[in-house]
Amino acid sequence: MINPVRESQHIQPMSRQNGLALTAAGLVLMPMLLAVGYWLDGRAQLVIVFLFLAAMVTALLGVLKLREPEFSFTLSAANLHYHHKVGGWSLHWSNIMRIDQPKLNRGFEMVDLPYIGLRIRDYDEFLPLMTARLAVHLLTEQRPLLSLALRYGAISRHELHDWLIEDSKFRSANGQQYVGIIAMLGHRMTHLRDLYGYDLLIHESSLDRDAAEFVTLLRRYLHP
């Protein structure tokens, strides 16, 4: 009998919300504004042009939202699946050591970051399944985390410069050798662990609720 706490469920990301509405609004407004501009015969032309560009941006934003995967996560009794527009990754719950919302020191207080963090037990169960295309996107999307660490004084500018372009050779704790973009991702994961305590950090825009509530949900699967 399946534990109801660990029933499979799909997570629809907040980043995809209102995509259809924004696209439709932009596409409807653009011809309307053209008609109004024609009717005004040159009067208030700058205002019409500005509104038309705003409608175009609205439609484009909606299209970009709709290009995001319908689901960002799939949670099952055995695995945590993450869906990205260029691929995805999967982790068995037994390979996840800890799940939490990462923090940084700001003076005498701890600041919650808009991410959830996953600490992995064994890189060799994760890296071999990663595609080069997805690894490139993850490396790019994680760059703001390095800049954030610099802003809070967790790393120096010299370290930031070195870590933006990671080494293309990586040896895991078990001695497995990796080269190329997958090796660069392995190094980035170790740097994120040093900075934040977690190997993978996912922005809250991929969630369907705030980060703290999503951490609670994942922990129910991790420790049923």
N, C-alpha and C. Protein backbone atom coordinates (compact mmCIF):
# COMPACT_ATOMS: atom_id res chain seq x y z
N MET A 1 0.86 -1.20 0.00
CA MET A 1 0.00 0.00 0.00
C MET A 1 0.88 1.24 0.00
N ILE A 2 0.58 2.20 -0.89
CA ILE A 2 1.40 3.41 -1.00
C ILE A 2 1.14 4.34 0.16
N ASN A 3 2.19 4.82 0.76
CA ASN A 3 2.07 5.82 1.82
C ASN A 3 1.49 7.09 1.22
N PRO A 4 0.33 7.60 1.73
CA PRO A 4 -0.28 8.79 1.14
C PRO A 4 0.63 10.01 1.19
N VAL A 5 1.55 10.03 2.14
CA VAL A 5 2.48 11.15 2.23
C VAL A 5 3.42 11.18 1.02
N ARG A 6 3.64 10.02 0.39
CA ARG A 6 4.59 9.92 -0.71
C ARG A 6 3.91 9.58 -2.04
N GLU A 7 2.66 9.91 -2.18
CA GLU A 7 1.99 9.72 -3.46
C GLU A 7 2.64 10.62 -4.50
N SER A 8 2.68 10.15 -5.74
CA SER A 8 3.28 10.93 -6.81
C SER A 8 2.47 12.20 -7.05
N GLN A 9 3.17 13.30 -7.28
CA GLN A 9 2.50 14.56 -7.60
C GLN A 9 3.40 15.42 -8.46
N HIS A 10 2.78 16.26 -9.28
CA HIS A 10 3.48 17.17 -10.16
C HIS A 10 3.38 18.59 -9.60
N ILE A 11 4.45 19.34 -9.77
CA ILE A 11 4.51 20.72 -9.29
C ILE A 11 4.52 21.66 -10.49
N GLN A 12 3.54 22.56 -10.55
CA GLN A 12 3.49 23.57 -11.61
C GLN A 12 4.19 24.83 -11.12
N PRO A 13 5.21 25.30 -11.85
CA PRO A 13 6.01 26.42 -11.35
C PRO A 13 5.28 27.76 -11.42
N MET A 14 5.61 28.64 -10.48
CA MET A 14 5.06 29.99 -10.49
C MET A 14 5.51 30.76 -11.73
N SER A 15 6.69 30.42 -12.25
CA SER A 15 7.22 31.14 -13.42
C SER A 15 6.34 30.97 -14.65
N ARG A 16 5.47 29.95 -14.65
CA ARG A 16 4.61 29.70 -15.82
C ARG A 16 3.23 30.32 -15.65
N GLN A 17 2.92 30.81 -14.46
CA GLN A 17 1.59 31.34 -14.20
C GLN A 17 1.30 32.57 -15.06
N ASN A 18 0.06 32.69 -15.50
CA ASN A 18 -0.44 33.83 -16.27
C ASN A 18 0.18 33.94 -17.66
N GLY A 19 0.89 32.91 -18.11
CA GLY A 19 1.51 32.97 -19.43
C GLY A 19 0.49 33.12 -20.54
N LEU A 20 -0.60 32.33 -20.49
CA LEU A 20 -1.62 32.39 -21.52
C LEU A 20 -2.34 33.73 -21.50
N ALA A 21 -2.63 34.22 -20.29
CA ALA A 21 -3.34 35.50 -20.17
C ALA A 21 -2.50 36.65 -20.71
N LEU A 22 -1.21 36.66 -20.41
CA LEU A 22 -0.33 37.73 -20.90
C LEU A 22 -0.20 37.68 -22.41
N THR A 23 -0.06 36.47 -22.96
CA THR A 23 0.05 36.34 -24.42
C THR A 23 -1.21 36.84 -25.11
N ALA A 24 -2.36 36.41 -24.61
CA ALA A 24 -3.63 36.81 -25.22
C ALA A 24 -3.84 38.32 -25.10
N ALA A 25 -3.52 38.89 -23.92
CA ALA A 25 -3.71 40.33 -23.74
C ALA A 25 -2.85 41.13 -24.71
N GLY A 26 -1.59 40.72 -24.85
CA GLY A 26 -0.70 41.43 -25.77
C GLY A 26 -1.16 41.34 -27.21
N LEU A 27 -1.59 40.14 -27.64
CA LEU A 27 -2.02 39.94 -29.02
C LEU A 27 -3.32 40.67 -29.33
N VAL A 28 -4.17 40.82 -28.34
CA VAL A 28 -5.42 41.56 -28.55
C VAL A 28 -5.18 43.06 -28.58
N LEU A 29 -4.30 43.53 -27.71
CA LEU A 29 -4.07 44.96 -27.61
C LEU A 29 -3.34 45.53 -28.83
N MET A 30 -2.42 44.77 -29.42
CA MET A 30 -1.62 45.31 -30.52
C MET A 30 -2.47 45.75 -31.71
N PRO A 31 -3.36 44.91 -32.26
CA PRO A 31 -4.19 45.40 -33.38
C PRO A 31 -5.15 46.51 -32.96
N MET A 32 -5.63 46.47 -31.70
CA MET A 32 -6.52 47.53 -31.23
C MET A 32 -5.79 48.87 -31.22
N LEU A 33 -4.55 48.86 -30.78
CA LEU A 33 -3.77 50.10 -30.73
C LEU A 33 -3.46 50.61 -32.14
N LEU A 34 -3.22 49.69 -33.07
CA LEU A 34 -3.00 50.10 -34.46
C LEU A 34 -4.26 50.76 -35.03
N ALA A 35 -5.41 50.20 -34.70
CA ALA A 35 -6.66 50.79 -35.18
C ALA A 35 -6.90 52.16 -34.57
N VAL A 36 -6.63 52.29 -33.27
CA VAL A 36 -6.79 53.58 -32.61
C VAL A 36 -5.83 54.61 -33.19
N GLY A 37 -4.59 54.19 -33.46
CA GLY A 37 -3.61 55.09 -34.04
C GLY A 37 -4.04 55.57 -35.41
N TYR A 38 -4.63 54.66 -36.20
CA TYR A 38 -5.11 55.03 -37.53
C TYR A 38 -6.28 56.01 -37.42
N TRP A 39 -7.16 55.76 -36.46
CA TRP A 39 -8.34 56.62 -36.27
C TRP A 39 -7.94 58.02 -35.79
N LEU A 40 -6.92 58.10 -34.92
CA LEU A 40 -6.46 59.40 -34.43
C LEU A 40 -5.68 60.18 -35.48
N ASP A 41 -5.24 59.49 -36.53
CA ASP A 41 -4.57 60.14 -37.65
C ASP A 41 -3.36 60.97 -37.22
N GLY A 42 -2.47 60.32 -36.47
CA GLY A 42 -1.22 60.99 -36.10
C GLY A 42 -1.23 61.67 -34.75
N ARG A 43 -2.42 61.97 -34.21
CA ARG A 43 -2.48 62.60 -32.89
C ARG A 43 -2.12 61.58 -31.81
N ALA A 44 -1.41 62.03 -30.79
CA ALA A 44 -0.97 61.16 -29.68
C ALA A 44 -0.17 59.97 -30.20
N GLN A 45 0.58 60.21 -31.27
CA GLN A 45 1.31 59.10 -31.90
C GLN A 45 2.32 58.47 -30.96
N LEU A 46 3.04 59.31 -30.20
CA LEU A 46 4.06 58.77 -29.29
C LEU A 46 3.44 57.88 -28.22
N VAL A 47 2.27 58.29 -27.73
CA VAL A 47 1.59 57.49 -26.71
C VAL A 47 1.18 56.14 -27.30
N ILE A 48 0.65 56.14 -28.52
CA ILE A 48 0.22 54.90 -29.17
C ILE A 48 1.41 53.97 -29.39
N VAL A 49 2.54 54.55 -29.84
CA VAL A 49 3.74 53.75 -30.07
C VAL A 49 4.22 53.12 -28.77
N PHE A 50 4.22 53.91 -27.70
CA PHE A 50 4.66 53.40 -26.40
C PHE A 50 3.75 52.26 -25.94
N LEU A 51 2.43 52.45 -26.05
CA LEU A 51 1.50 51.41 -25.63
C LEU A 51 1.62 50.16 -26.50
N PHE A 52 1.87 50.35 -27.80
CA PHE A 52 2.04 49.20 -28.69
C PHE A 52 3.26 48.39 -28.30
N LEU A 53 4.37 49.07 -28.00
CA LEU A 53 5.58 48.36 -27.58
C LEU A 53 5.35 47.63 -26.25
N ALA A 54 4.59 48.26 -25.35
CA ALA A 54 4.28 47.61 -24.07
C ALA A 54 3.45 46.35 -24.30
N ALA A 55 2.48 46.41 -25.23
CA ALA A 55 1.67 45.24 -25.54
C ALA A 55 2.52 44.14 -26.17
N MET A 56 3.48 44.53 -27.02
CA MET A 56 4.37 43.56 -27.63
C MET A 56 5.22 42.85 -26.58
N VAL A 57 5.75 43.63 -25.63
CA VAL A 57 6.55 43.04 -24.55
C VAL A 57 5.70 42.11 -23.70
N THR A 58 4.45 42.50 -23.45
CA THR A 58 3.54 41.65 -22.67
C THR A 58 3.31 40.31 -23.36
N ALA A 59 3.07 40.35 -24.66
CA ALA A 59 2.87 39.11 -25.41
C ALA A 59 4.13 38.25 -25.40
N LEU A 60 5.28 38.89 -25.57
CA LEU A 60 6.55 38.15 -25.57
C LEU A 60 6.80 37.51 -24.21
N LEU A 61 6.51 38.24 -23.14
CA LEU A 61 6.68 37.69 -21.80
C LEU A 61 5.78 36.48 -21.59
N GLY A 62 4.56 36.58 -22.10
CA GLY A 62 3.64 35.45 -21.99
C GLY A 62 4.14 34.23 -22.74
N VAL A 63 4.67 34.45 -23.96
CA VAL A 63 5.21 33.33 -24.75
C VAL A 63 6.38 32.68 -24.04
N LEU A 64 7.26 33.50 -23.45
CA LEU A 64 8.40 32.95 -22.71
C LEU A 64 7.94 32.12 -21.52
N LYS A 65 6.89 32.57 -20.84
CA LYS A 65 6.36 31.80 -19.72
C LYS A 65 5.81 30.46 -20.20
N LEU A 66 5.12 30.48 -21.34
CA LEU A 66 4.53 29.25 -21.86
C LEU A 66 5.58 28.26 -22.35
N ARG A 67 6.78 28.77 -22.66
CA ARG A 67 7.86 27.88 -23.09
C ARG A 67 8.46 27.11 -21.91
N GLU A 68 8.19 27.56 -20.70
CA GLU A 68 8.67 26.82 -19.54
C GLU A 68 7.94 25.49 -19.44
N PRO A 69 8.59 24.45 -18.87
CA PRO A 69 7.91 23.15 -18.73
C PRO A 69 6.61 23.29 -17.94
N GLU A 70 5.63 22.48 -18.30
CA GLU A 70 4.35 22.53 -17.58
C GLU A 70 4.56 22.18 -16.11
N PHE A 71 5.47 21.26 -15.84
CA PHE A 71 5.79 20.88 -14.47
C PHE A 71 7.28 21.11 -14.22
N SER A 72 7.61 21.62 -13.06
CA SER A 72 9.01 21.82 -12.70
C SER A 72 9.56 20.65 -11.89
N PHE A 73 8.70 20.01 -11.10
CA PHE A 73 9.10 18.87 -10.29
C PHE A 73 8.06 17.77 -10.40
N THR A 74 8.53 16.54 -10.32
CA THR A 74 7.66 15.39 -10.10
C THR A 74 8.19 14.67 -8.87
N LEU A 75 7.33 14.50 -7.90
CA LEU A 75 7.70 13.84 -6.65
C LEU A 75 7.07 12.46 -6.63
N SER A 76 7.89 11.45 -6.43
CA SER A 76 7.38 10.08 -6.32
C SER A 76 7.96 9.44 -5.06
N ALA A 77 7.49 8.25 -4.76
CA ALA A 77 7.98 7.57 -3.56
C ALA A 77 9.46 7.27 -3.65
N ALA A 78 9.99 7.08 -4.88
CA ALA A 78 11.39 6.68 -5.04
C ALA A 78 12.32 7.83 -5.39
N ASN A 79 11.82 8.80 -6.16
CA ASN A 79 12.72 9.80 -6.72
C ASN A 79 12.15 11.22 -6.68
N LEU A 80 13.08 12.16 -6.75
CA LEU A 80 12.77 13.57 -6.97
C LEU A 80 13.22 13.90 -8.39
N HIS A 81 12.29 14.31 -9.25
CA HIS A 81 12.61 14.65 -10.63
C HIS A 81 12.47 16.16 -10.81
N TYR A 82 13.46 16.75 -11.47
CA TYR A 82 13.42 18.18 -11.80
C TYR A 82 13.34 18.33 -13.31
N HIS A 83 12.37 19.11 -13.79
CA HIS A 83 12.16 19.29 -15.22
C HIS A 83 12.60 20.69 -15.62
N HIS A 84 13.51 20.75 -16.58
CA HIS A 84 14.03 22.01 -17.12
C HIS A 84 13.66 22.08 -18.59
N LYS A 85 13.60 23.28 -19.16
CA LYS A 85 13.21 23.41 -20.56
C LYS A 85 14.21 22.76 -21.52
N VAL A 86 15.43 22.45 -21.05
CA VAL A 86 16.40 21.78 -21.92
C VAL A 86 16.74 20.38 -21.42
N GLY A 87 15.94 19.85 -20.51
CA GLY A 87 16.22 18.51 -20.01
C GLY A 87 15.71 18.33 -18.59
N GLY A 88 16.44 17.58 -17.80
CA GLY A 88 16.03 17.36 -16.42
C GLY A 88 17.00 16.45 -15.71
N TRP A 89 16.86 16.36 -14.40
CA TRP A 89 17.67 15.45 -13.62
C TRP A 89 16.79 14.73 -12.61
N SER A 90 17.31 13.64 -12.07
CA SER A 90 16.57 12.83 -11.12
C SER A 90 17.50 12.40 -9.99
N LEU A 91 16.97 12.42 -8.79
CA LEU A 91 17.72 11.97 -7.60
C LEU A 91 16.86 10.99 -6.81
N HIS A 92 17.45 9.87 -6.45
CA HIS A 92 16.77 8.96 -5.52
C HIS A 92 16.80 9.61 -4.14
N TRP A 93 15.71 9.46 -3.40
CA TRP A 93 15.64 10.10 -2.08
C TRP A 93 16.79 9.66 -1.18
N SER A 94 17.27 8.43 -1.36
CA SER A 94 18.37 7.94 -0.53
C SER A 94 19.68 8.66 -0.83
N ASN A 95 19.76 9.36 -1.97
CA ASN A 95 20.97 10.09 -2.33
C ASN A 95 20.91 11.56 -1.92
N ILE A 96 19.87 11.93 -1.20
CA ILE A 96 19.73 13.30 -0.71
C ILE A 96 19.97 13.30 0.80
N MET A 97 20.99 14.03 1.21
CA MET A 97 21.34 14.08 2.63
C MET A 97 20.50 15.10 3.39
N ARG A 98 20.26 16.25 2.74
CA ARG A 98 19.58 17.33 3.46
C ARG A 98 18.88 18.24 2.47
N ILE A 99 17.74 18.78 2.90
CA ILE A 99 16.98 19.75 2.11
C ILE A 99 16.64 20.92 3.01
N ASP A 100 16.93 22.13 2.55
CA ASP A 100 16.60 23.30 3.36
C ASP A 100 16.67 24.55 2.48
N GLN A 101 16.32 25.67 3.07
CA GLN A 101 16.45 26.96 2.40
C GLN A 101 17.80 27.55 2.79
N PRO A 102 18.70 27.77 1.83
CA PRO A 102 20.04 28.29 2.16
C PRO A 102 19.98 29.69 2.74
N LYS A 103 21.00 30.02 3.52
CA LYS A 103 21.07 31.31 4.19
C LYS A 103 22.47 31.91 4.01
N LEU A 104 22.54 33.23 4.19
CA LEU A 104 23.82 33.93 4.21
C LEU A 104 23.85 34.88 5.39
N ASN A 105 25.04 35.09 5.93
CA ASN A 105 25.19 36.03 7.02
C ASN A 105 25.15 37.46 6.52
N ARG A 106 24.35 38.30 7.18
CA ARG A 106 24.37 39.73 6.92
C ARG A 106 24.50 40.44 8.26
N GLY A 107 25.74 40.77 8.58
CA GLY A 107 25.99 41.35 9.90
C GLY A 107 25.76 40.31 10.98
N PHE A 108 24.78 40.59 11.84
CA PHE A 108 24.48 39.68 12.95
C PHE A 108 23.21 38.86 12.69
N GLU A 109 22.72 38.88 11.46
CA GLU A 109 21.51 38.11 11.17
C GLU A 109 21.73 37.20 9.97
N MET A 110 20.89 36.16 9.91
CA MET A 110 20.91 35.21 8.79
C MET A 110 19.79 35.58 7.82
N VAL A 111 20.14 35.67 6.55
CA VAL A 111 19.17 36.04 5.52
C VAL A 111 18.78 34.80 4.72
N ASP A 112 17.48 34.52 4.64
CA ASP A 112 16.99 33.41 3.81
C ASP A 112 17.08 33.80 2.34
N LEU A 113 17.64 32.92 1.53
CA LEU A 113 17.74 33.17 0.10
C LEU A 113 16.53 32.58 -0.62
N PRO A 114 16.14 33.14 -1.78
CA PRO A 114 14.96 32.65 -2.50
C PRO A 114 15.25 31.37 -3.29
N TYR A 115 15.81 30.39 -2.62
CA TYR A 115 16.19 29.12 -3.24
C TYR A 115 15.85 27.99 -2.28
N ILE A 116 15.79 26.78 -2.81
CA ILE A 116 15.84 25.59 -1.96
C ILE A 116 17.16 24.88 -2.29
N GLY A 117 17.77 24.30 -1.27
CA GLY A 117 19.06 23.64 -1.44
C GLY A 117 18.97 22.15 -1.19
N LEU A 118 19.70 21.38 -2.02
CA LEU A 118 19.77 19.93 -1.87
C LEU A 118 21.23 19.54 -1.68
N ARG A 119 21.52 18.80 -0.62
CA ARG A 119 22.86 18.29 -0.40
C ARG A 119 22.88 16.82 -0.80
N ILE A 120 23.78 16.49 -1.74
CA ILE A 120 23.80 15.15 -2.34
C ILE A 120 24.82 14.27 -1.63
N ARG A 121 24.46 13.00 -1.50
CA ARG A 121 25.35 12.04 -0.84
C ARG A 121 26.45 11.55 -1.77
N ASP A 122 26.10 11.24 -3.02
CA ASP A 122 27.04 10.63 -3.96
C ASP A 122 26.92 11.30 -5.32
N TYR A 123 27.94 12.08 -5.70
CA TYR A 123 27.94 12.74 -7.01
C TYR A 123 27.89 11.74 -8.17
N ASP A 124 28.46 10.55 -7.96
CA ASP A 124 28.56 9.58 -9.04
C ASP A 124 27.22 8.95 -9.41
N GLU A 125 26.20 9.17 -8.61
CA GLU A 125 24.86 8.73 -8.97
C GLU A 125 24.10 9.84 -9.70
N PHE A 126 24.71 11.01 -9.78
CA PHE A 126 24.04 12.17 -10.37
C PHE A 126 24.71 12.66 -11.65
N LEU A 127 26.03 12.92 -11.59
CA LEU A 127 26.73 13.53 -12.73
C LEU A 127 26.69 12.69 -14.01
N PRO A 128 26.84 11.36 -13.96
CA PRO A 128 26.83 10.59 -15.22
C PRO A 128 25.51 10.68 -15.98
N LEU A 129 24.43 11.03 -15.31
CA LEU A 129 23.13 11.12 -15.96
C LEU A 129 22.84 12.50 -16.52
N MET A 130 23.74 13.45 -16.26
CA MET A 130 23.53 14.83 -16.67
C MET A 130 23.95 15.03 -18.13
N THR A 131 23.11 15.69 -18.92
CA THR A 131 23.48 16.01 -20.29
C THR A 131 24.31 17.29 -20.32
N ALA A 132 25.16 17.41 -21.33
CA ALA A 132 26.01 18.60 -21.44
C ALA A 132 25.17 19.86 -21.61
N ARG A 133 24.09 19.76 -22.38
CA ARG A 133 23.26 20.94 -22.62
C ARG A 133 22.64 21.45 -21.33
N LEU A 134 22.12 20.55 -20.50
CA LEU A 134 21.53 20.96 -19.24
C LEU A 134 22.59 21.50 -18.30
N ALA A 135 23.78 20.87 -18.29
CA ALA A 135 24.86 21.32 -17.42
C ALA A 135 25.25 22.76 -17.74
N VAL A 136 25.29 23.12 -19.03
CA VAL A 136 25.61 24.49 -19.43
C VAL A 136 24.59 25.46 -18.86
N HIS A 137 23.31 25.11 -18.97
CA HIS A 137 22.26 26.00 -18.46
C HIS A 137 22.33 26.13 -16.94
N LEU A 138 22.60 25.03 -16.25
CA LEU A 138 22.70 25.10 -14.79
C LEU A 138 23.88 25.97 -14.36
N LEU A 139 25.00 25.84 -15.03
CA LEU A 139 26.16 26.67 -14.71
C LEU A 139 25.84 28.15 -14.91
N THR A 140 25.13 28.45 -15.99
CA THR A 140 24.77 29.84 -16.26
C THR A 140 23.77 30.37 -15.23
N GLU A 141 22.77 29.57 -14.91
CA GLU A 141 21.73 30.01 -13.98
C GLU A 141 22.25 30.16 -12.55
N GLN A 142 23.36 29.48 -12.22
CA GLN A 142 23.89 29.54 -10.86
C GLN A 142 24.90 30.67 -10.67
N ARG A 143 25.25 31.37 -11.74
CA ARG A 143 26.21 32.46 -11.60
C ARG A 143 25.76 33.54 -10.61
N PRO A 144 24.47 33.91 -10.59
CA PRO A 144 24.05 34.91 -9.60
C PRO A 144 24.34 34.51 -8.16
N LEU A 145 24.39 33.19 -7.89
CA LEU A 145 24.71 32.74 -6.53
C LEU A 145 26.15 33.07 -6.16
N LEU A 146 27.06 33.04 -7.14
CA LEU A 146 28.44 33.42 -6.87
C LEU A 146 28.54 34.93 -6.64
N SER A 147 27.82 35.71 -7.46
CA SER A 147 27.82 37.16 -7.28
C SER A 147 27.22 37.54 -5.94
N LEU A 148 26.20 36.80 -5.53
CA LEU A 148 25.56 37.06 -4.24
C LEU A 148 26.55 36.79 -3.10
N ALA A 149 27.32 35.72 -3.23
CA ALA A 149 28.32 35.40 -2.20
C ALA A 149 29.38 36.49 -2.12
N LEU A 150 29.76 37.07 -3.26
CA LEU A 150 30.72 38.18 -3.26
C LEU A 150 30.12 39.39 -2.56
N ARG A 151 28.86 39.70 -2.84
CA ARG A 151 28.21 40.86 -2.23
C ARG A 151 28.17 40.74 -0.71
N TYR A 152 27.98 39.52 -0.21
CA TYR A 152 27.90 39.32 1.23
C TYR A 152 29.27 39.01 1.86
N GLY A 153 30.32 39.08 1.05
CA GLY A 153 31.67 38.89 1.58
C GLY A 153 32.06 37.46 1.83
N ALA A 154 31.32 36.50 1.25
CA ALA A 154 31.64 35.08 1.46
C ALA A 154 32.81 34.63 0.60
N ILE A 155 33.06 35.30 -0.53
CA ILE A 155 34.20 34.99 -1.39
C ILE A 155 34.83 36.31 -1.84
N SER A 156 36.06 36.20 -2.32
CA SER A 156 36.77 37.38 -2.83
C SER A 156 36.53 37.53 -4.34
N ARG A 157 36.90 38.68 -4.88
CA ARG A 157 36.77 38.89 -6.33
C ARG A 157 37.66 37.91 -7.10
N HIS A 158 38.81 37.59 -6.55
CA HIS A 158 39.70 36.64 -7.20
C HIS A 158 39.04 35.26 -7.29
N GLU A 159 38.40 34.82 -6.20
CA GLU A 159 37.71 33.53 -6.21
C GLU A 159 36.54 33.56 -7.19
N LEU A 160 35.80 34.67 -7.21
CA LEU A 160 34.68 34.78 -8.13
C LEU A 160 35.17 34.64 -9.57
N HIS A 161 36.26 35.30 -9.90
CA HIS A 161 36.81 35.24 -11.25
C HIS A 161 37.19 33.80 -11.61
N ASP A 162 37.81 33.09 -10.67
CA ASP A 162 38.23 31.71 -10.93
C ASP A 162 37.04 30.77 -11.06
N TRP A 163 36.00 30.99 -10.26
CA TRP A 163 34.88 30.06 -10.23
C TRP A 163 33.87 30.30 -11.35
N LEU A 164 33.88 31.46 -11.98
CA LEU A 164 32.95 31.69 -13.08
C LEU A 164 33.26 30.76 -14.26
N ILE A 165 34.55 30.48 -14.47
CA ILE A 165 34.97 29.50 -15.48
C ILE A 165 35.63 28.35 -14.74
N GLU A 166 34.86 27.29 -14.50
CA GLU A 166 35.34 26.18 -13.67
C GLU A 166 36.36 25.33 -14.43
N ASP A 167 37.16 24.58 -13.65
CA ASP A 167 38.13 23.65 -14.22
C ASP A 167 37.39 22.55 -14.99
N SER A 168 37.96 22.11 -16.10
CA SER A 168 37.31 21.11 -16.95
C SER A 168 37.71 19.68 -16.60
N LYS A 169 38.38 19.49 -15.45
CA LYS A 169 38.68 18.15 -14.96
C LYS A 169 38.25 18.06 -13.51
N PHE A 170 37.55 16.98 -13.18
CA PHE A 170 37.00 16.84 -11.83
C PHE A 170 37.07 15.38 -11.40
N ARG A 171 37.50 15.16 -10.14
CA ARG A 171 37.53 13.82 -9.55
C ARG A 171 36.56 13.82 -8.37
N SER A 172 35.62 12.89 -8.38
CA SER A 172 34.66 12.80 -7.28
C SER A 172 35.31 12.20 -6.04
N ALA A 173 34.58 12.21 -4.94
CA ALA A 173 35.09 11.66 -3.69
C ALA A 173 35.38 10.17 -3.81
N ASN A 174 34.70 9.48 -4.74
CA ASN A 174 34.93 8.05 -4.95
C ASN A 174 36.02 7.77 -5.97
N GLY A 175 36.63 8.85 -6.51
CA GLY A 175 37.72 8.66 -7.46
C GLY A 175 37.31 8.65 -8.91
N GLN A 176 36.01 8.83 -9.20
CA GLN A 176 35.54 8.86 -10.58
C GLN A 176 36.01 10.13 -11.27
N GLN A 177 36.54 10.00 -12.48
CA GLN A 177 37.06 11.13 -13.24
C GLN A 177 35.99 11.66 -14.21
N TYR A 178 35.88 12.98 -14.28
CA TYR A 178 34.98 13.63 -15.23
C TYR A 178 35.75 14.70 -15.98
N VAL A 179 35.36 14.93 -17.22
CA VAL A 179 36.01 15.95 -18.03
C VAL A 179 34.94 16.80 -18.71
N GLY A 180 35.36 17.97 -19.19
CA GLY A 180 34.47 18.83 -19.95
C GLY A 180 33.44 19.53 -19.09
N ILE A 181 32.27 19.75 -19.68
CA ILE A 181 31.24 20.54 -19.02
C ILE A 181 30.70 19.85 -17.77
N ILE A 182 30.66 18.51 -17.76
CA ILE A 182 30.19 17.79 -16.58
C ILE A 182 31.17 17.98 -15.43
N ALA A 183 32.46 18.00 -15.73
CA ALA A 183 33.46 18.27 -14.71
C ALA A 183 33.29 19.67 -14.15
N MET A 184 33.00 20.63 -15.00
CA MET A 184 32.78 22.00 -14.55
C MET A 184 31.58 22.08 -13.62
N LEU A 185 30.53 21.32 -13.92
CA LEU A 185 29.37 21.28 -13.03
C LEU A 185 29.74 20.65 -11.69
N GLY A 186 30.56 19.61 -11.72
CA GLY A 186 31.01 18.99 -10.47
C GLY A 186 31.73 19.98 -9.58
N HIS A 187 32.64 20.78 -10.18
CA HIS A 187 33.34 21.81 -9.41
C HIS A 187 32.36 22.85 -8.86
N ARG A 188 31.39 23.27 -9.71
CA ARG A 188 30.43 24.27 -9.25
C ARG A 188 29.63 23.77 -8.06
N MET A 189 29.27 22.49 -8.09
CA MET A 189 28.52 21.92 -6.98
C MET A 189 29.33 21.94 -5.69
N THR A 190 30.63 21.63 -5.78
CA THR A 190 31.46 21.66 -4.57
C THR A 190 31.61 23.09 -4.06
N HIS A 191 31.69 24.07 -4.96
CA HIS A 191 31.80 25.47 -4.53
C HIS A 191 30.50 25.94 -3.86
N LEU A 192 29.37 25.53 -4.42
CA LEU A 192 28.10 25.89 -3.80
C LEU A 192 27.96 25.24 -2.43
N ARG A 193 28.48 24.02 -2.29
CA ARG A 193 28.45 23.36 -0.97
C ARG A 193 29.31 24.13 0.02
N ASP A 194 30.48 24.59 -0.42
CA ASP A 194 31.34 25.37 0.47
C ASP A 194 30.67 26.67 0.91
N LEU A 195 29.96 27.32 -0.03
CA LEU A 195 29.36 28.62 0.24
C LEU A 195 28.05 28.52 1.01
N TYR A 196 27.21 27.58 0.60
CA TYR A 196 25.84 27.54 1.11
C TYR A 196 25.49 26.24 1.85
N GLY A 197 26.34 25.23 1.70
CA GLY A 197 26.05 23.95 2.35
C GLY A 197 25.26 22.98 1.50
N TYR A 198 24.99 23.37 0.22
CA TYR A 198 24.17 22.53 -0.66
C TYR A 198 24.81 22.46 -2.04
N ASP A 199 24.60 21.32 -2.72
CA ASP A 199 25.20 21.09 -4.03
C ASP A 199 24.34 21.61 -5.17
N LEU A 200 23.04 21.54 -5.01
CA LEU A 200 22.09 22.01 -6.01
C LEU A 200 21.18 23.04 -5.37
N LEU A 201 21.04 24.19 -6.02
CA LEU A 201 20.14 25.23 -5.52
C LEU A 201 19.16 25.59 -6.63
N ILE A 202 17.86 25.53 -6.31
CA ILE A 202 16.81 25.80 -7.29
C ILE A 202 16.05 27.04 -6.85
N HIS A 203 15.91 27.99 -7.78
CA HIS A 203 15.25 29.25 -7.47
C HIS A 203 13.77 29.03 -7.20
N GLU A 204 13.20 29.88 -6.34
CA GLU A 204 11.82 29.71 -5.92
C GLU A 204 10.83 29.91 -7.07
N SER A 205 11.26 30.49 -8.20
CA SER A 205 10.36 30.64 -9.35
C SER A 205 9.97 29.29 -9.93
N SER A 206 10.72 28.24 -9.62
CA SER A 206 10.40 26.89 -10.08
C SER A 206 9.41 26.19 -9.15
N LEU A 207 9.03 26.84 -8.07
CA LEU A 207 8.16 26.23 -7.07
C LEU A 207 6.72 26.69 -7.27
N ASP A 208 5.81 26.05 -6.54
CA ASP A 208 4.40 26.45 -6.59
C ASP A 208 3.95 27.09 -5.29
N ARG A 209 4.90 27.32 -4.39
CA ARG A 209 4.63 27.92 -3.08
C ARG A 209 5.93 28.53 -2.59
N ASP A 210 5.91 29.17 -1.43
CA ASP A 210 7.16 29.77 -0.98
C ASP A 210 8.17 28.69 -0.59
N ALA A 211 9.43 29.09 -0.55
CA ALA A 211 10.52 28.13 -0.39
C ALA A 211 10.40 27.32 0.89
N ALA A 212 10.04 27.97 2.00
CA ALA A 212 9.95 27.26 3.28
C ALA A 212 8.89 26.16 3.23
N GLU A 213 7.74 26.45 2.62
CA GLU A 213 6.68 25.44 2.52
C GLU A 213 7.08 24.30 1.60
N PHE A 214 7.83 24.63 0.54
CA PHE A 214 8.25 23.58 -0.39
C PHE A 214 9.28 22.67 0.27
N VAL A 215 10.16 23.23 1.09
CA VAL A 215 11.12 22.42 1.84
C VAL A 215 10.38 21.43 2.73
N THR A 216 9.32 21.90 3.40
CA THR A 216 8.52 21.02 4.26
C THR A 216 7.92 19.88 3.45
N LEU A 217 7.42 20.19 2.24
CA LEU A 217 6.85 19.16 1.38
C LEU A 217 7.90 18.12 1.01
N LEU A 218 9.07 18.56 0.57
CA LEU A 218 10.12 17.61 0.16
C LEU A 218 10.59 16.76 1.34
N ARG A 219 10.63 17.34 2.51
CA ARG A 219 11.08 16.58 3.67
C ARG A 219 10.11 15.45 4.01
N ARG A 220 8.83 15.60 3.68
CA ARG A 220 7.88 14.52 3.91
C ARG A 220 8.21 13.30 3.04
N TYR A 221 8.76 13.55 1.86
CA TYR A 221 9.19 12.45 0.99
C TYR A 221 10.54 11.90 1.43
N LEU A 222 11.40 12.79 1.89
CA LEU A 222 12.74 12.36 2.31
C LEU A 222 12.68 11.54 3.59
N HIS A 223 11.81 11.95 4.52
CA HIS A 223 11.67 11.25 5.80
C HIS A 223 10.19 10.95 6.04
N PRO A 224 9.63 9.94 5.35
CA PRO A 224 8.20 9.65 5.47
C PRO A 224 7.84 9.10 6.85
